[in-house]
Amino acid sequence: MCIGEFQLNYLEKLIPPAFRRVWQEGLSGDLFKFKVCGAGGGGFILGVTRDFENMEIALSGSKLFKV
């Protein structure tokens, strides 16, 4: 089980409702995975992929930052 799957299964309240469907899609496929980072309400969602261009297409409408 990856950390993103653990967070979805056991810490679902940390994941914004708008992200839960796409979070599950990421776990079901190989294109990307998500992880909640931070604490105390100042957190963010970290996405990991090997194919940023296709992830942008899959998540069109979301604000993504490439680092």
N, C-alpha and C. Protein backbone atom coordinates (compact mmCIF):
# COMPACT_ATOMS: atom_id res chain seq x y z
N MET A 1 0.85 -1.17 0.00
CA MET A 1 0.00 0.00 0.00
C MET A 1 0.90 1.24 0.00
N CYS A 2 0.63 2.18 -0.90
CA CYS A 2 1.40 3.43 -0.94
C CYS A 2 0.79 4.42 0.05
N ILE A 3 1.55 5.48 0.36
CA ILE A 3 1.09 6.47 1.33
C ILE A 3 -0.20 7.15 0.89
N GLY A 4 -0.35 7.40 -0.42
CA GLY A 4 -1.57 8.01 -0.92
C GLY A 4 -2.79 7.14 -0.71
N GLU A 5 -2.62 5.83 -0.86
CA GLU A 5 -3.72 4.89 -0.63
C GLU A 5 -4.07 4.86 0.85
N PHE A 6 -3.06 4.85 1.71
CA PHE A 6 -3.29 4.88 3.15
C PHE A 6 -4.07 6.14 3.53
N GLN A 7 -3.64 7.28 2.99
CA GLN A 7 -4.31 8.53 3.32
C GLN A 7 -5.76 8.53 2.85
N LEU A 8 -6.03 8.01 1.67
CA LEU A 8 -7.40 7.95 1.17
C LEU A 8 -8.26 7.03 2.03
N ASN A 9 -7.70 5.90 2.44
CA ASN A 9 -8.45 4.92 3.21
C ASN A 9 -8.66 5.33 4.67
N TYR A 10 -7.66 5.94 5.29
CA TYR A 10 -7.71 6.18 6.73
C TYR A 10 -7.75 7.65 7.14
N LEU A 11 -7.38 8.54 6.24
CA LEU A 11 -7.35 9.97 6.57
C LEU A 11 -8.11 10.77 5.52
N GLU A 12 -9.22 10.23 5.09
CA GLU A 12 -9.99 10.82 3.98
C GLU A 12 -10.37 12.28 4.23
N LYS A 13 -10.57 12.67 5.49
CA LYS A 13 -10.95 14.06 5.78
C LYS A 13 -9.86 15.06 5.42
N LEU A 14 -8.62 14.59 5.26
CA LEU A 14 -7.52 15.47 4.85
C LEU A 14 -7.55 15.79 3.36
N ILE A 15 -8.26 14.97 2.60
CA ILE A 15 -8.32 15.11 1.15
C ILE A 15 -9.57 15.90 0.78
N PRO A 16 -9.41 17.04 0.11
CA PRO A 16 -10.59 17.82 -0.28
C PRO A 16 -11.55 16.98 -1.14
N PRO A 17 -12.85 17.09 -0.90
CA PRO A 17 -13.82 16.30 -1.66
C PRO A 17 -13.65 16.40 -3.17
N ALA A 18 -13.25 17.55 -3.67
CA ALA A 18 -13.08 17.72 -5.13
C ALA A 18 -11.94 16.87 -5.68
N PHE A 19 -11.03 16.40 -4.83
CA PHE A 19 -9.89 15.62 -5.27
C PHE A 19 -10.09 14.11 -5.10
N ARG A 20 -11.08 13.69 -4.38
CA ARG A 20 -11.20 12.26 -4.03
C ARG A 20 -11.37 11.36 -5.25
N ARG A 21 -12.16 11.77 -6.22
CA ARG A 21 -12.37 10.94 -7.42
C ARG A 21 -11.08 10.80 -8.21
N VAL A 22 -10.42 11.93 -8.47
CA VAL A 22 -9.18 11.88 -9.26
C VAL A 22 -8.07 11.20 -8.46
N TRP A 23 -8.09 11.32 -7.15
CA TRP A 23 -7.13 10.62 -6.28
C TRP A 23 -7.25 9.12 -6.50
N GLN A 24 -8.49 8.63 -6.51
CA GLN A 24 -8.74 7.20 -6.73
C GLN A 24 -8.30 6.79 -8.13
N GLU A 25 -8.52 7.64 -9.12
CA GLU A 25 -8.07 7.35 -10.48
C GLU A 25 -6.55 7.20 -10.52
N GLY A 26 -5.85 8.05 -9.80
CA GLY A 26 -4.40 7.96 -9.73
C GLY A 26 -3.94 6.65 -9.11
N LEU A 27 -4.64 6.21 -8.07
CA LEU A 27 -4.29 4.94 -7.44
C LEU A 27 -4.58 3.75 -8.34
N SER A 28 -5.60 3.87 -9.18
CA SER A 28 -5.99 2.77 -10.06
C SER A 28 -5.07 2.63 -11.27
N GLY A 29 -4.42 3.70 -11.66
CA GLY A 29 -3.57 3.68 -12.85
C GLY A 29 -2.10 3.89 -12.51
N ASP A 30 -1.31 4.07 -13.55
CA ASP A 30 0.12 4.28 -13.38
C ASP A 30 0.58 5.68 -13.75
N LEU A 31 -0.35 6.59 -14.08
CA LEU A 31 0.03 7.91 -14.58
C LEU A 31 0.52 8.84 -13.46
N PHE A 32 -0.14 8.81 -12.30
CA PHE A 32 0.24 9.71 -11.20
C PHE A 32 -0.24 9.14 -9.87
N LYS A 33 0.34 9.67 -8.80
CA LYS A 33 -0.07 9.36 -7.43
C LYS A 33 -0.07 10.68 -6.67
N PHE A 34 -0.92 10.78 -5.63
CA PHE A 34 -1.00 11.96 -4.79
C PHE A 34 -0.65 11.63 -3.35
N LYS A 35 -0.25 12.68 -2.62
CA LYS A 35 0.05 12.56 -1.20
C LYS A 35 -0.27 13.90 -0.56
N VAL A 36 -0.94 13.88 0.60
CA VAL A 36 -1.18 15.09 1.37
C VAL A 36 0.08 15.39 2.17
N CYS A 37 0.54 16.63 2.11
CA CYS A 37 1.73 17.07 2.86
C CYS A 37 1.35 18.25 3.74
N GLY A 38 2.11 18.45 4.82
CA GLY A 38 1.89 19.59 5.69
C GLY A 38 0.98 19.25 6.84
N ALA A 39 0.82 20.21 7.71
CA ALA A 39 -0.01 20.00 8.90
C ALA A 39 -0.59 21.33 9.36
N GLY A 40 -1.58 21.26 10.21
CA GLY A 40 -2.13 22.47 10.81
C GLY A 40 -2.91 23.36 9.85
N GLY A 41 -3.43 22.79 8.78
CA GLY A 41 -4.23 23.56 7.84
C GLY A 41 -3.42 24.28 6.78
N GLY A 42 -2.10 24.18 6.82
CA GLY A 42 -1.27 24.85 5.83
C GLY A 42 -0.68 23.89 4.83
N GLY A 43 -1.35 22.80 4.60
CA GLY A 43 -0.81 21.74 3.75
C GLY A 43 -1.06 21.94 2.27
N PHE A 44 -0.62 20.95 1.51
CA PHE A 44 -0.80 20.96 0.07
C PHE A 44 -0.85 19.52 -0.41
N ILE A 45 -1.21 19.33 -1.66
CA ILE A 45 -1.25 18.00 -2.27
C ILE A 45 -0.08 17.89 -3.21
N LEU A 46 0.73 16.88 -3.00
CA LEU A 46 1.89 16.61 -3.84
C LEU A 46 1.51 15.51 -4.83
N GLY A 47 1.71 15.76 -6.10
CA GLY A 47 1.48 14.76 -7.13
C GLY A 47 2.80 14.32 -7.72
N VAL A 48 2.92 13.03 -7.98
CA VAL A 48 4.15 12.47 -8.53
C VAL A 48 3.81 11.74 -9.83
N THR A 49 4.60 12.02 -10.87
CA THR A 49 4.39 11.38 -12.17
C THR A 49 5.70 11.29 -12.92
N ARG A 50 5.75 10.40 -13.87
CA ARG A 50 6.88 10.32 -14.79
C ARG A 50 6.53 10.93 -16.14
N ASP A 51 5.27 11.34 -16.30
CA ASP A 51 4.77 11.85 -17.57
C ASP A 51 3.91 13.09 -17.31
N PHE A 52 4.57 14.23 -17.06
CA PHE A 52 3.86 15.45 -16.68
C PHE A 52 2.89 15.91 -17.76
N GLU A 53 3.26 15.80 -19.01
CA GLU A 53 2.40 16.27 -20.10
C GLU A 53 1.06 15.54 -20.11
N ASN A 54 1.08 14.23 -19.98
CA ASN A 54 -0.18 13.48 -19.95
C ASN A 54 -0.94 13.70 -18.65
N MET A 55 -0.23 13.94 -17.57
CA MET A 55 -0.91 14.26 -16.31
C MET A 55 -1.64 15.59 -16.44
N GLU A 56 -1.03 16.58 -17.12
CA GLU A 56 -1.70 17.85 -17.35
C GLU A 56 -3.00 17.66 -18.12
N ILE A 57 -2.98 16.78 -19.09
CA ILE A 57 -4.19 16.50 -19.88
C ILE A 57 -5.24 15.83 -19.01
N ALA A 58 -4.83 14.84 -18.23
CA ALA A 58 -5.75 14.11 -17.37
C ALA A 58 -6.35 15.01 -16.29
N LEU A 59 -5.59 15.98 -15.83
CA LEU A 59 -6.04 16.85 -14.75
C LEU A 59 -6.32 18.27 -15.23
N SER A 60 -6.71 18.41 -16.49
CA SER A 60 -6.98 19.73 -17.03
C SER A 60 -8.03 20.42 -16.16
N GLY A 61 -7.82 21.69 -15.94
CA GLY A 61 -8.72 22.44 -15.05
C GLY A 61 -8.15 22.57 -13.65
N SER A 62 -7.10 21.82 -13.33
CA SER A 62 -6.45 21.92 -12.03
C SER A 62 -5.20 22.78 -12.16
N LYS A 63 -4.86 23.46 -11.11
CA LYS A 63 -3.67 24.29 -11.10
C LYS A 63 -2.47 23.43 -10.71
N LEU A 64 -1.57 23.20 -11.65
CA LEU A 64 -0.42 22.33 -11.44
C LEU A 64 0.87 23.14 -11.50
N PHE A 65 1.82 22.76 -10.68
CA PHE A 65 3.15 23.37 -10.68
C PHE A 65 4.18 22.28 -10.86
N LYS A 66 5.08 22.48 -11.78
CA LYS A 66 6.13 21.51 -12.05
C LYS A 66 7.42 21.98 -11.35
N VAL A 67 7.98 21.11 -10.52
CA VAL A 67 9.23 21.43 -9.83
C VAL A 67 10.26 20.38 -10.09
